[in-house]
Amino acid sequence: MAIAAFGLQCELLRKLVLSVAPNIQLQVTLMNDPSPYQSSEVTPPSHLGPTGGADAIGEGQIALAWFLFVVVATIGGAVAGAIGGMVIGTVLGGAGQSMQTIQVASAFAGFFAGLPVSWLTFRWQVRRLLAKASALSVQQL
């Protein structure tokens, strides 16, 4: 089941990168074209289509991105969660709350403290793959 989930996540991430890469290619091409207001010649729009440069991102790179995401998000989320839970536990313990209240509040605080770590790690990995796709698209110009 874990292998199927891994495969599905890799495929979804690959589709995301491949769907965004042609737009990056088009933007780079449009930014490099001379303005029709500055010259008498207008660039023909035939070369503005996607070149397929993002196809060079293979399953290995996507698997590596997923692996780094899982490892960094798990360890970073655990550390952030432990710190958040410790702070809440200390405050509630000092206030004389019951152990059950401290455990529940610390669990929620730890979970919510770990969410930003997961989000930032995900953004880092997606940006890294998009940067590779963009660089490959620009090289093919």
Protein backbone atom coordinates (compact mmCIF):
# COMPACT_ATOMS: atom_id res chain seq x y z
CA MET A 1 0.00 0.00 0.00
CA ALA A 2 2.86 2.37 0.82
CA ILE A 3 4.47 1.66 -2.54
CA ALA A 4 1.19 2.44 -4.35
CA ALA A 5 0.86 5.70 -2.40
CA PHE A 6 4.46 6.58 -3.25
CA GLY A 7 3.84 5.90 -6.93
CA LEU A 8 0.68 8.00 -6.91
CA GLN A 9 2.44 10.89 -5.20
CA CYS A 10 5.33 10.74 -7.69
CA GLU A 11 2.92 10.71 -10.62
CA LEU A 12 0.91 13.65 -9.26
CA LEU A 13 4.07 15.69 -8.63
CA ARG A 14 5.36 14.88 -12.12
CA LYS A 15 2.05 15.98 -13.68
CA LEU A 16 2.15 19.20 -11.67
CA VAL A 17 5.65 20.02 -12.84
CA LEU A 18 4.88 19.10 -16.45
CA SER A 19 1.69 21.19 -16.47
CA VAL A 20 3.45 24.29 -15.16
CA ALA A 21 6.67 24.00 -17.19
CA PRO A 22 5.16 24.98 -20.60
CA ASN A 23 3.79 28.17 -19.04
CA ILE A 24 7.25 29.01 -17.72
CA GLN A 25 8.67 28.32 -21.19
CA LEU A 26 6.11 30.65 -22.77
CA GLN A 27 6.81 33.41 -20.26
CA VAL A 28 10.57 33.18 -20.81
CA THR A 29 10.06 33.26 -24.58
CA LEU A 30 7.74 36.25 -24.39
CA MET A 31 10.13 38.15 -22.14
CA ASN A 32 13.02 37.59 -24.57
CA ASP A 33 11.07 38.66 -27.67
CA PRO A 34 11.60 42.20 -28.89
CA SER A 35 8.67 44.53 -28.47
CA PRO A 36 6.65 45.08 -31.67
CA TYR A 37 6.62 48.77 -30.74
CA GLN A 38 10.42 48.99 -30.94
CA SER A 39 10.96 47.33 -34.29
CA SER A 40 9.20 47.10 -37.61
CA GLU A 41 9.22 43.30 -37.63
CA VAL A 42 6.73 41.28 -35.61
CA THR A 43 7.94 37.94 -34.29
CA PRO A 44 5.85 35.09 -35.71
CA PRO A 45 3.91 33.30 -32.97
CA SER A 46 4.81 29.83 -34.30
CA HIS A 47 7.77 29.41 -31.96
CA LEU A 48 5.80 30.22 -28.80
CA GLY A 49 4.52 26.68 -28.21
CA PRO A 50 5.91 24.41 -25.51
CA THR A 51 9.07 22.57 -26.43
CA GLY A 52 8.66 19.67 -24.06
CA GLY A 53 11.80 20.54 -22.11
CA ALA A 54 10.18 19.51 -18.86
CA ASP A 55 10.09 15.89 -20.03
CA ALA A 56 13.73 15.62 -18.98
CA ILE A 57 12.62 15.51 -15.33
CA GLY A 58 12.58 11.80 -14.65
CA GLU A 59 11.01 9.58 -12.05
CA GLY A 60 14.30 9.43 -10.16
CA GLN A 61 14.35 13.18 -9.60
CA ILE A 62 10.70 13.14 -8.53
CA ALA A 63 11.35 10.23 -6.17
CA LEU A 64 14.32 12.09 -4.69
CA ALA A 65 12.18 15.21 -4.21
CA TRP A 66 9.48 13.13 -2.49
CA PHE A 67 12.05 11.39 -0.29
CA LEU A 68 13.63 14.68 0.78
CA PHE A 69 10.18 16.11 1.46
CA VAL A 70 9.20 13.17 3.66
CA VAL A 71 12.46 13.12 5.61
CA VAL A 72 12.75 16.87 6.18
CA ALA A 73 9.03 17.34 6.92
CA THR A 74 8.98 14.40 9.35
CA ILE A 75 12.10 15.37 11.28
CA GLY A 76 11.41 19.12 11.15
CA GLY A 77 7.75 18.63 12.05
CA ALA A 78 8.68 16.38 14.96
CA VAL A 79 11.16 18.93 16.31
CA ALA A 80 8.71 21.84 15.89
CA GLY A 81 5.91 19.75 17.40
CA ALA A 82 8.03 18.73 20.35
CA ILE A 83 8.97 22.34 21.06
CA GLY A 84 5.36 23.52 20.68
CA GLY A 85 4.06 20.72 22.88
CA MET A 86 6.74 21.40 25.48
CA VAL A 87 5.84 25.07 25.69
CA ILE A 88 2.12 24.37 26.03
CA GLY A 89 2.78 21.59 28.54
CA THR A 90 4.98 23.85 30.64
CA VAL A 91 2.44 26.66 30.66
CA LEU A 92 -0.51 24.39 31.47
CA GLY A 93 1.51 22.43 34.04
CA GLY A 94 2.47 25.66 35.75
CA ALA A 95 -1.20 26.66 35.76
CA GLY A 96 -2.11 23.44 37.59
CA GLN A 97 -4.09 21.74 34.82
CA SER A 98 -4.70 17.99 34.83
CA MET A 99 -2.39 15.61 32.95
CA GLN A 100 -5.15 14.69 30.49
CA THR A 101 -5.69 18.36 29.60
CA ILE A 102 -1.95 18.89 29.17
CA GLN A 103 -1.63 15.82 26.93
CA VAL A 104 -4.50 16.84 24.64
CA ALA A 105 -3.45 20.50 24.42
CA SER A 106 0.19 19.53 23.81
CA ALA A 107 -0.81 17.10 21.07
CA PHE A 108 -2.83 19.77 19.25
CA ALA A 109 -0.09 22.38 19.71
CA GLY A 110 2.53 19.96 18.40
CA PHE A 111 0.43 19.07 15.36
CA PHE A 112 -0.22 22.69 14.43
CA ALA A 113 3.42 23.64 15.06
CA GLY A 114 4.52 20.95 12.59
CA LEU A 115 2.20 22.04 9.76
CA PRO A 116 4.26 25.07 8.64
CA VAL A 117 7.37 22.88 8.44
CA SER A 118 5.57 20.48 6.12
CA TRP A 119 4.24 23.32 3.96
CA LEU A 120 7.61 25.06 3.65
CA THR A 121 9.33 21.78 2.79
CA PHE A 122 6.73 21.04 0.10
CA ARG A 123 7.16 24.52 -1.42
CA TRP A 124 10.94 24.09 -1.39
CA GLN A 125 10.77 20.80 -3.29
CA VAL A 126 8.22 22.00 -5.85
CA ARG A 127 10.22 25.18 -6.51
CA ARG A 128 13.36 23.10 -6.92
CA LEU A 129 11.69 20.90 -9.56
CA LEU A 130 10.13 23.89 -11.31
CA ALA A 131 13.51 25.60 -11.43
CA LYS A 132 14.99 22.51 -13.09
CA ALA A 133 12.13 22.39 -15.60
CA SER A 134 12.52 26.08 -16.32
CA ALA A 135 16.28 25.76 -16.81
CA LEU A 136 15.79 22.85 -19.19
CA SER A 137 13.20 24.83 -21.16
CA VAL A 138 15.46 27.86 -21.44
CA GLN A 139 18.37 25.69 -22.61
CA GLN A 140 16.29 24.42 -25.51
CA LEU A 141 15.66 27.94 -26.83
